[in-house]
Amino acid sequence: MSLTGRRLDIFAVPDMPMVQPGDDLAVLIAARVEPLRERDIVVIAQKVVSKSENRLVDLATVTPSAQAVALGGAVGKDPRLVEVILSESSRVVRSRPNLMIMQHRRGFVMANAGVDHSNVAPIDGIDRVLLLPEDPDGSAAALRTRLEAHFGVRLGVIISDSFGRPWRRGTAGVAIGASGLPSLIDLRGQPDLFGRTLEVSIVGFADEVAAAASLLQGQAREAQPVVVVRGLAWDAPDAPVAEMIRPQGEDLFR
């Protein structure tokens, strides 16, 4: 992994509208961004991808199961919300009052399986929550195909979200979907600065790019969901975010 010209440029796409279900994100981005260059990486916040894919659930339509009722009582959450969270999850990792750490069915370990109320405006008084994209890597690949066709250059696309981290306070941007770039760059077998062979070094490339972009995307009212990262070069093969998920047999903490 290297930096082209030792310079990295990061800029937000201006004037992005509030995305609605059915909106064509590729068209919205292409109409507002300056001409993209070879190997630019477009980082798109998960919420706008999910909204465009209509990943909204009206809580009034949800009937909670007995498990959701019991767990909702234990953590102090609406059982209907808990039912939606359980439907997106493969298991409950940890829970306590006002907190549910879940393993999402895509493998991510995250609060509430990514089901979110924040920055989801109620419509006609209907209380909706937003789910992660059905297939984040697939969503990234579809957006990349459209944007590459429009601009005529090779691009990378990352779908980013904000995750909490074990042992550290605060959230950070991570990649939940990627296309056109290596999510991981394996440096094992390469020499370090002093010629020693690296034995365990694998770079979470997509996460590092997502974290850089999140400085502009923000976490609250910034309304800058699309960021372009320019100036990175790599020679590793493309790999989706799915390859970043640590297999259960390698996980020492769950």
C-alpha atoms as a PDB file:
ATOM      1  CA  MET A   1       0.000   0.000   0.000  1.00  0.00           C
ATOM      2  CA  SER A   2       1.358   3.461  -0.883  1.00  0.00           C
ATOM      3  CA  LEU A   3       0.289   7.065  -1.184  1.00  0.00           C
ATOM      4  CA  THR A   4       0.523   8.526  -4.652  1.00  0.00           C
ATOM      5  CA  GLY A   5       2.639  11.698  -4.476  1.00  0.00           C
ATOM      6  CA  ARG A   6       2.596  11.441  -0.659  1.00  0.00           C
ATOM      7  CA  ARG A   7      -0.632  13.408  -0.623  1.00  0.00           C
ATOM      8  CA  LEU A   8      -4.172  12.409   0.219  1.00  0.00           C
ATOM      9  CA  ASP A   9      -7.184  14.593  -0.633  1.00  0.00           C
ATOM     10  CA  ILE A  10     -10.549  14.052   1.065  1.00  0.00           C
ATOM     11  CA  PHE A  11     -13.601  16.117   0.140  1.00  0.00           C
ATOM     12  CA  ALA A  12     -17.343  15.894   0.641  1.00  0.00           C
ATOM     13  CA  VAL A  13     -19.737  15.892  -2.303  1.00  0.00           C
ATOM     14  CA  PRO A  14     -21.723  19.124  -1.846  1.00  0.00           C
ATOM     15  CA  ASP A  15     -25.462  19.679  -1.711  1.00  0.00           C
ATOM     16  CA  MET A  16     -26.575  16.082  -1.406  1.00  0.00           C
ATOM     17  CA  PRO A  17     -30.367  16.063  -0.879  1.00  0.00           C
ATOM     18  CA  MET A  18     -32.242  14.094   1.741  1.00  0.00           C
ATOM     19  CA  VAL A  19     -32.370  10.666   0.122  1.00  0.00           C
ATOM     20  CA  GLN A  20     -35.770   9.022  -0.217  1.00  0.00           C
ATOM     21  CA  PRO A  21     -36.744   5.397  -0.952  1.00  0.00           C
ATOM     22  CA  GLY A  22     -36.254   4.643  -4.631  1.00  0.00           C
ATOM     23  CA  ASP A  23     -33.824   7.509  -5.278  1.00  0.00           C
ATOM     24  CA  ASP A  24     -31.016   6.691  -7.710  1.00  0.00           C
ATOM     25  CA  LEU A  25     -27.900   7.337  -5.634  1.00  0.00           C
ATOM     26  CA  ALA A  26     -25.528   7.050  -8.580  1.00  0.00           C
ATOM     27  CA  VAL A  27     -27.422   9.798 -10.429  1.00  0.00           C
ATOM     28  CA  LEU A  28     -27.549  12.027  -7.335  1.00  0.00           C
ATOM     29  CA  ILE A  29     -23.801  11.664  -6.764  1.00  0.00           C
ATOM     30  CA  ALA A  30     -22.771  12.050 -10.409  1.00  0.00           C
ATOM     31  CA  ALA A  31     -24.759  15.276 -10.727  1.00  0.00           C
ATOM     32  CA  ARG A  32     -22.961  16.907  -7.780  1.00  0.00           C
ATOM     33  CA  VAL A  33     -19.391  15.660  -7.734  1.00  0.00           C
ATOM     34  CA  GLU A  34     -16.525  17.067  -9.766  1.00  0.00           C
ATOM     35  CA  PRO A  35     -15.225  14.686 -12.458  1.00  0.00           C
ATOM     36  CA  LEU A  36     -13.853  11.647 -10.691  1.00  0.00           C
ATOM     37  CA  ARG A  37     -10.328  10.422 -11.400  1.00  0.00           C
ATOM     38  CA  GLU A  38      -8.744   7.009 -11.765  1.00  0.00           C
ATOM     39  CA  ARG A  39      -8.662   5.148  -8.427  1.00  0.00           C
ATOM     40  CA  ASP A  40     -10.749   7.718  -6.557  1.00  0.00           C
ATOM     41  CA  ILE A  41     -12.638   6.031  -3.713  1.00  0.00           C
ATOM     42  CA  VAL A  42     -16.242   7.126  -3.130  1.00  0.00           C
ATOM     43  CA  VAL A  43     -17.287   6.559   0.484  1.00  0.00           C
ATOM     44  CA  ILE A  44     -21.055   6.568   1.015  1.00  0.00           C
ATOM     45  CA  ALA A  45     -22.750   6.565   4.410  1.00  0.00           C
ATOM     46  CA  GLN A  46     -24.834   3.480   5.065  1.00  0.00           C
ATOM     47  CA  LYS A  47     -27.968   5.440   5.918  1.00  0.00           C
ATOM     48  CA  VAL A  48     -28.382   6.968   2.464  1.00  0.00           C
ATOM     49  CA  VAL A  49     -27.790   3.598   0.802  1.00  0.00           C
ATOM     50  CA  SER A  50     -30.363   1.974   3.083  1.00  0.00           C
ATOM     51  CA  LYS A  51     -32.879   4.764   2.488  1.00  0.00           C
ATOM     52  CA  SER A  52     -32.493   4.525  -1.284  1.00  0.00           C
ATOM     53  CA  GLU A  53     -33.066   0.754  -1.015  1.00  0.00           C
ATOM     54  CA  ASN A  54     -36.167   1.335   1.151  1.00  0.00           C
ATOM     55  CA  ARG A  55     -34.778  -0.593   4.102  1.00  0.00           C
ATOM     56  CA  LEU A  56     -37.317   1.087   6.382  1.00  0.00           C
ATOM     57  CA  VAL A  57     -39.592  -0.774   8.771  1.00  0.00           C
ATOM     58  CA  ASP A  58     -42.776   0.690  10.247  1.00  0.00           C
ATOM     59  CA  LEU A  59     -42.794  -0.443  13.883  1.00  0.00           C
ATOM     60  CA  ALA A  60     -46.611  -0.416  13.883  1.00  0.00           C
ATOM     61  CA  THR A  61     -46.507  -3.420  11.534  1.00  0.00           C
ATOM     62  CA  VAL A  62     -44.263  -5.490  13.821  1.00  0.00           C
ATOM     63  CA  THR A  63     -45.650  -8.140  16.183  1.00  0.00           C
ATOM     64  CA  PRO A  64     -43.024  -8.950  18.823  1.00  0.00           C
ATOM     65  CA  SER A  65     -42.268 -12.552  19.688  1.00  0.00           C
ATOM     66  CA  ALA A  66     -42.084 -13.850  23.244  1.00  0.00           C
ATOM     67  CA  GLN A  67     -38.286 -13.622  23.020  1.00  0.00           C
ATOM     68  CA  ALA A  68     -38.498  -9.978  21.936  1.00  0.00           C
ATOM     69  CA  VAL A  69     -40.912  -9.155  24.751  1.00  0.00           C
ATOM     70  CA  ALA A  70     -38.647 -10.772  27.358  1.00  0.00           C
ATOM     71  CA  LEU A  71     -35.455  -9.213  25.999  1.00  0.00           C
ATOM     72  CA  GLY A  72     -37.128  -5.840  25.545  1.00  0.00           C
ATOM     73  CA  GLY A  73     -38.174  -5.883  29.191  1.00  0.00           C
ATOM     74  CA  ALA A  74     -34.639  -6.760  30.288  1.00  0.00           C
ATOM     75  CA  VAL A  75     -32.935  -4.019  28.286  1.00  0.00           C
ATOM     76  CA  GLY A  76     -35.698  -1.397  28.457  1.00  0.00           C
ATOM     77  CA  LYS A  77     -36.436  -1.224  24.736  1.00  0.00           C
ATOM     78  CA  ASP A  78     -39.656  -1.348  22.730  1.00  0.00           C
ATOM     79  CA  PRO A  79     -40.320  -5.072  22.060  1.00  0.00           C
ATOM     80  CA  ARG A  80     -41.233  -4.223  18.464  1.00  0.00           C
ATOM     81  CA  LEU A  81     -37.798  -2.664  17.962  1.00  0.00           C
ATOM     82  CA  VAL A  82     -36.191  -5.665  19.633  1.00  0.00           C
ATOM     83  CA  GLU A  83     -38.080  -7.974  17.252  1.00  0.00           C
ATOM     84  CA  VAL A  84     -36.661  -6.101  14.245  1.00  0.00           C
ATOM     85  CA  ILE A  85     -33.166  -6.286  15.751  1.00  0.00           C
ATOM     86  CA  LEU A  86     -33.512 -10.033  16.339  1.00  0.00           C
ATOM     87  CA  SER A  87     -34.712 -10.537  12.766  1.00  0.00           C
ATOM     88  CA  GLU A  88     -31.482  -8.935  11.514  1.00  0.00           C
ATOM     89  CA  SER A  89     -29.247 -10.928  13.856  1.00  0.00           C
ATOM     90  CA  SER A  90     -27.744 -14.383  14.105  1.00  0.00           C
ATOM     91  CA  ARG A  91     -27.237 -14.121  17.878  1.00  0.00           C
ATOM     92  CA  VAL A  92     -27.181 -11.871  20.916  1.00  0.00           C
ATOM     93  CA  VAL A  93     -23.558 -11.273  21.926  1.00  0.00           C
ATOM     94  CA  ARG A  94     -24.177  -9.164  25.048  1.00  0.00           C
ATOM     95  CA  SER A  95     -27.089  -7.266  26.538  1.00  0.00           C
ATOM     96  CA  ARG A  96     -27.732  -5.008  29.508  1.00  0.00           C
ATOM     97  CA  PRO A  97     -30.145  -2.116  30.180  1.00  0.00           C
ATOM     98  CA  ASN A  98     -30.320   0.113  27.080  1.00  0.00           C
ATOM     99  CA  LEU A  99     -27.680  -1.898  25.222  1.00  0.00           C
ATOM    100  CA  MET A 100     -27.812  -4.838  22.817  1.00  0.00           C
ATOM    101  CA  ILE A 101     -24.640  -6.016  21.088  1.00  0.00           C
ATOM    102  CA  MET A 102     -25.650  -8.323  18.264  1.00  0.00           C
ATOM    103  CA  GLN A 103     -24.003 -10.412  15.611  1.00  0.00           C
ATOM    104  CA  HIS A 104     -25.644  -9.267  12.404  1.00  0.00           C
ATOM    105  CA  ARG A 105     -26.521 -12.029   9.952  1.00  0.00           C
ATOM    106  CA  ARG A 106     -23.734 -10.638   7.685  1.00  0.00           C
ATOM    107  CA  GLY A 107     -21.250 -11.258  10.496  1.00  0.00           C
ATOM    108  CA  PHE A 108     -20.811  -7.734  11.845  1.00  0.00           C
ATOM    109  CA  VAL A 109     -20.787  -7.422  15.644  1.00  0.00           C
ATOM    110  CA  MET A 110     -22.491  -4.135  16.430  1.00  0.00           C
ATOM    111  CA  ALA A 111     -25.054  -2.366  18.575  1.00  0.00           C
ATOM    112  CA  ASN A 112     -28.665  -3.191  17.697  1.00  0.00           C
ATOM    113  CA  ALA A 113     -27.592  -5.098  14.549  1.00  0.00           C
ATOM    114  CA  GLY A 114     -27.363  -1.694  12.856  1.00  0.00           C
ATOM    115  CA  VAL A 115     -31.091  -1.002  13.277  1.00  0.00           C
ATOM    116  CA  ASP A 116     -31.308   2.748  13.802  1.00  0.00           C
ATOM    117  CA  HIS A 117     -33.709   5.573  14.629  1.00  0.00           C
ATOM    118  CA  SER A 118     -31.221   8.428  14.273  1.00  0.00           C
ATOM    119  CA  ASN A 119     -31.509  10.662  11.206  1.00  0.00           C
ATOM    120  CA  VAL A 120     -34.653   8.792  10.150  1.00  0.00           C
ATOM    121  CA  ALA A 121     -37.427  11.370   9.865  1.00  0.00           C
ATOM    122  CA  PRO A 122     -40.950  10.248  10.838  1.00  0.00           C
ATOM    123  CA  ILE A 123     -43.374  10.458   7.905  1.00  0.00           C
ATOM    124  CA  ASP A 124     -47.083  11.122   8.528  1.00  0.00           C
ATOM    125  CA  GLY A 125     -46.512  10.285  12.184  1.00  0.00           C
ATOM    126  CA  ILE A 126     -45.253   6.783  11.363  1.00  0.00           C
ATOM    127  CA  ASP A 127     -42.369   5.588  13.544  1.00  0.00           C
ATOM    128  CA  ARG A 128     -39.827   3.929  11.251  1.00  0.00           C
ATOM    129  CA  VAL A 129     -36.441   2.347  11.812  1.00  0.00           C
ATOM    130  CA  LEU A 130     -33.710   1.792   9.249  1.00  0.00           C
ATOM    131  CA  LEU A 131     -31.899  -1.488   8.560  1.00  0.00           C
ATOM    132  CA  LEU A 132     -28.513  -2.066   6.984  1.00  0.00           C
ATOM    133  CA  PRO A 133     -28.505  -2.728   3.235  1.00  0.00           C
ATOM    134  CA  GLU A 134     -29.528  -6.287   2.412  1.00  0.00           C
ATOM    135  CA  ASP A 135     -26.131  -6.937   0.759  1.00  0.00           C
ATOM    136  CA  PRO A 136     -23.654  -4.089   1.447  1.00  0.00           C
ATOM    137  CA  ASP A 137     -20.901  -5.522  -0.795  1.00  0.00           C
ATOM    138  CA  GLY A 138     -23.455  -5.975  -3.569  1.00  0.00           C
ATOM    139  CA  SER A 139     -24.743  -2.429  -3.107  1.00  0.00           C
ATOM    140  CA  ALA A 140     -21.182  -1.091  -3.338  1.00  0.00           C
ATOM    141  CA  ALA A 141     -20.557  -3.097  -6.514  1.00  0.00           C
ATOM    142  CA  ALA A 142     -23.755  -1.837  -8.165  1.00  0.00           C
ATOM    143  CA  LEU A 143     -22.950   1.798  -7.357  1.00  0.00           C
ATOM    144  CA  ARG A 144     -19.389   1.372  -8.579  1.00  0.00           C
ATOM    145  CA  THR A 145     -20.572  -0.041 -11.911  1.00  0.00           C
ATOM    146  CA  ARG A 146     -22.880   2.940 -12.459  1.00  0.00           C
ATOM    147  CA  LEU A 147     -20.323   5.562 -11.451  1.00  0.00           C
ATOM    148  CA  GLU A 148     -17.543   3.989 -13.515  1.00  0.00           C
ATOM    149  CA  ALA A 149     -19.799   3.961 -16.572  1.00  0.00           C
ATOM    150  CA  HIS A 150     -20.606   7.645 -16.047  1.00  0.00           C
ATOM    151  CA  PHE A 151     -17.059   8.900 -15.456  1.00  0.00           C
ATOM    152  CA  GLY A 152     -15.117   6.397 -17.579  1.00  0.00           C
ATOM    153  CA  VAL A 153     -12.500   5.614 -14.910  1.00  0.00           C
ATOM    154  CA  ARG A 154     -11.828   2.815 -12.439  1.00  0.00           C
ATOM    155  CA  LEU A 155     -13.152   3.624  -8.987  1.00  0.00           C
ATOM    156  CA  GLY A 156     -13.476   2.150  -5.541  1.00  0.00           C
ATOM    157  CA  VAL A 157     -16.715   2.376  -3.582  1.00  0.00           C
ATOM    158  CA  ILE A 158     -17.095   1.898   0.171  1.00  0.00           C
ATOM    159  CA  ILE A 159     -20.304   1.852   2.183  1.00  0.00           C
ATOM    160  CA  SER A 160     -19.438   3.083   5.652  1.00  0.00           C
ATOM    161  CA  ASP A 161     -21.047   2.985   9.067  1.00  0.00           C
ATOM    162  CA  SER A 162     -20.095   4.002  12.605  1.00  0.00           C
ATOM    163  CA  PHE A 163     -19.147   1.237  15.025  1.00  0.00           C
ATOM    164  CA  GLY A 164     -18.269   1.259  18.677  1.00  0.00           C
ATOM    165  CA  ARG A 165     -15.095  -0.627  19.604  1.00  0.00           C
ATOM    166  CA  PRO A 166     -14.228  -3.004  22.438  1.00  0.00           C
ATOM    167  CA  TRP A 167     -11.948  -1.492  25.065  1.00  0.00           C
ATOM    168  CA  ARG A 168     -12.235   2.055  23.676  1.00  0.00           C
ATOM    169  CA  ARG A 169     -14.910   4.714  23.974  1.00  0.00           C
ATOM    170  CA  GLY A 170     -16.247   6.479  20.931  1.00  0.00           C
ATOM    171  CA  THR A 171     -17.361   5.379  17.502  1.00  0.00           C
ATOM    172  CA  ALA A 172     -15.262   5.268  14.346  1.00  0.00           C
ATOM    173  CA  GLY A 173     -16.058   4.854  10.683  1.00  0.00           C
ATOM    174  CA  VAL A 174     -15.755   1.337   9.289  1.00  0.00           C
ATOM    175  CA  ALA A 175     -16.549  -0.283   5.947  1.00  0.00           C
ATOM    176  CA  ILE A 176     -19.567  -2.580   5.753  1.00  0.00           C
ATOM    177  CA  GLY A 177     -19.455  -2.896   1.957  1.00  0.00           C
ATOM    178  CA  ALA A 178     -16.745  -2.375  -0.650  1.00  0.00           C
ATOM    179  CA  SER A 179     -16.034  -2.863  -4.338  1.00  0.00           C
ATOM    180  CA  GLY A 180     -13.103  -2.028  -6.590  1.00  0.00           C
ATOM    181  CA  LEU A 181     -10.471  -2.116  -3.847  1.00  0.00           C
ATOM    182  CA  PRO A 182      -8.932  -4.549  -1.370  1.00  0.00           C
ATOM    183  CA  SER A 183     -10.743  -4.489   1.951  1.00  0.00           C
ATOM    184  CA  LEU A 184      -7.657  -6.192   3.377  1.00  0.00           C
ATOM    185  CA  ILE A 185      -4.009  -5.860   2.334  1.00  0.00           C
ATOM    186  CA  ASP A 186      -1.893  -8.782   3.523  1.00  0.00           C
ATOM    187  CA  LEU A 187       1.677  -7.683   4.244  1.00  0.00           C
ATOM    188  CA  ARG A 188       2.813 -10.996   5.711  1.00  0.00           C
ATOM    189  CA  GLY A 189       6.075 -12.164   4.181  1.00  0.00           C
ATOM    190  CA  GLN A 190       7.189  -8.663   3.232  1.00  0.00           C
ATOM    191  CA  PRO A 191      10.208  -7.020   4.890  1.00  0.00           C
ATOM    192  CA  ASP A 192       9.869  -4.225   7.403  1.00  0.00           C
ATOM    193  CA  LEU A 193      12.079  -1.122   7.458  1.00  0.00           C
ATOM    194  CA  PHE A 194      14.982  -3.155   8.830  1.00  0.00           C
ATOM    195  CA  GLY A 195      14.545  -6.234   6.687  1.00  0.00           C
ATOM    196  CA  ARG A 196      12.663  -8.367   9.220  1.00  0.00           C
ATOM    197  CA  THR A 197       9.900 -10.456   7.694  1.00  0.00           C
ATOM    198  CA  LEU A 198       6.400  -9.372   8.700  1.00  0.00           C
ATOM    199  CA  GLU A 199       4.503 -12.303  10.174  1.00  0.00           C
ATOM    200  CA  VAL A 200       1.080 -11.009  11.260  1.00  0.00           C
ATOM    201  CA  SER A 201       0.533  -7.641   9.544  1.00  0.00           C
ATOM    202  CA  ILE A 202      -2.763  -7.440   7.645  1.00  0.00           C
ATOM    203  CA  VAL A 203      -4.018  -3.910   6.954  1.00  0.00           C
ATOM    204  CA  GLY A 204      -7.756  -3.181   7.242  1.00  0.00           C
ATOM    205  CA  PHE A 205      -7.521  -0.934   4.183  1.00  0.00           C
ATOM    206  CA  ALA A 206     -11.246  -0.335   3.650  1.00  0.00           C
ATOM    207  CA  ASP A 207     -11.766   0.471   7.344  1.00  0.00           C
ATOM    208  CA  GLU A 208      -8.901   2.982   7.320  1.00  0.00           C
ATOM    209  CA  VAL A 209     -10.379   4.741   4.287  1.00  0.00           C
ATOM    210  CA  ALA A 210     -13.848   4.726   5.879  1.00  0.00           C
ATOM    211  CA  ALA A 211     -12.463   6.212   9.104  1.00  0.00           C
ATOM    212  CA  ALA A 212     -10.764   9.018   7.188  1.00  0.00           C
ATOM    213  CA  ALA A 213     -13.969   9.807   5.307  1.00  0.00           C
ATOM    214  CA  SER A 214     -16.015   9.814   8.514  1.00  0.00           C
ATOM    215  CA  LEU A 215     -14.142  12.906   9.689  1.00  0.00           C
ATOM    216  CA  LEU A 216     -16.146  14.793   7.059  1.00  0.00           C
ATOM    217  CA  GLN A 217     -19.292  12.678   7.112  1.00  0.00           C
ATOM    218  CA  GLY A 218     -19.714  13.217  10.851  1.00  0.00           C
ATOM    219  CA  GLN A 219     -22.174  11.533  13.201  1.00  0.00           C
ATOM    220  CA  ALA A 220     -25.033  13.992  13.613  1.00  0.00           C
ATOM    221  CA  ARG A 221     -26.233  16.982  11.540  1.00  0.00           C
ATOM    222  CA  GLU A 222     -23.346  17.355   9.108  1.00  0.00           C
ATOM    223  CA  ALA A 223     -25.427  16.136   6.109  1.00  0.00           C
ATOM    224  CA  GLN A 224     -22.333  15.129   4.134  1.00  0.00           C
ATOM    225  CA  PRO A 225     -22.991  11.451   3.420  1.00  0.00           C
ATOM    226  CA  VAL A 226     -20.761  11.112   0.351  1.00  0.00           C
ATOM    227  CA  VAL A 227     -17.001  11.701   0.512  1.00  0.00           C
ATOM    228  CA  VAL A 228     -14.292  11.204  -2.117  1.00  0.00           C
ATOM    229  CA  VAL A 229     -10.836  10.004  -1.068  1.00  0.00           C
ATOM    230  CA  ARG A 230      -8.178  10.739  -3.699  1.00  0.00           C
ATOM    231  CA  GLY A 231      -4.508   9.871  -3.868  1.00  0.00           C
ATOM    232  CA  LEU A 232      -4.314   6.266  -2.674  1.00  0.00           C
ATOM    233  CA  ALA A 233      -2.620   3.551  -4.696  1.00  0.00           C
ATOM    234  CA  TRP A 234      -2.595  -0.193  -4.096  1.00  0.00           C
ATOM    235  CA  ASP A 235      -1.501  -3.360  -5.826  1.00  0.00           C
ATOM    236  CA  ALA A 236      -3.462  -5.938  -3.841  1.00  0.00           C
ATOM    237  CA  PRO A 237      -6.426  -7.711  -5.465  1.00  0.00           C
ATOM    238  CA  ASP A 238      -9.982  -6.516  -4.878  1.00  0.00           C
ATOM    239  CA  ALA A 239     -11.700  -8.081  -1.877  1.00  0.00           C
ATOM    240  CA  PRO A 240     -15.137  -7.437  -0.370  1.00  0.00           C
ATOM    241  CA  VAL A 241     -15.790  -6.541   3.252  1.00  0.00           C
ATOM    242  CA  ALA A 242     -17.137 -10.061   3.763  1.00  0.00           C
ATOM    243  CA  GLU A 243     -13.512 -11.241   3.772  1.00  0.00           C
ATOM    244  CA  MET A 244     -12.778  -8.997   6.775  1.00  0.00           C
ATOM    245  CA  ILE A 245     -15.121 -10.855   9.114  1.00  0.00           C
ATOM    246  CA  ARG A 246     -13.005 -12.850  11.539  1.00  0.00           C
ATOM    247  CA  PRO A 247     -13.947 -16.555  11.512  1.00  0.00           C
ATOM    248  CA  GLN A 248     -15.347 -17.894  14.771  1.00  0.00           C
ATOM    249  CA  GLY A 249     -12.325 -20.167  15.223  1.00  0.00           C
ATOM    250  CA  GLU A 250      -9.959 -17.172  15.229  1.00  0.00           C
ATOM    251  CA  ASP A 251     -12.073 -15.098  17.626  1.00  0.00           C
ATOM    252  CA  LEU A 252     -10.623 -15.089  21.147  1.00  0.00           C
ATOM    253  CA  PHE A 253     -13.213 -12.780  22.683  1.00  0.00           C
ATOM    254  CA  ARG A 254     -16.665 -14.185  21.877  1.00  0.00           C
END
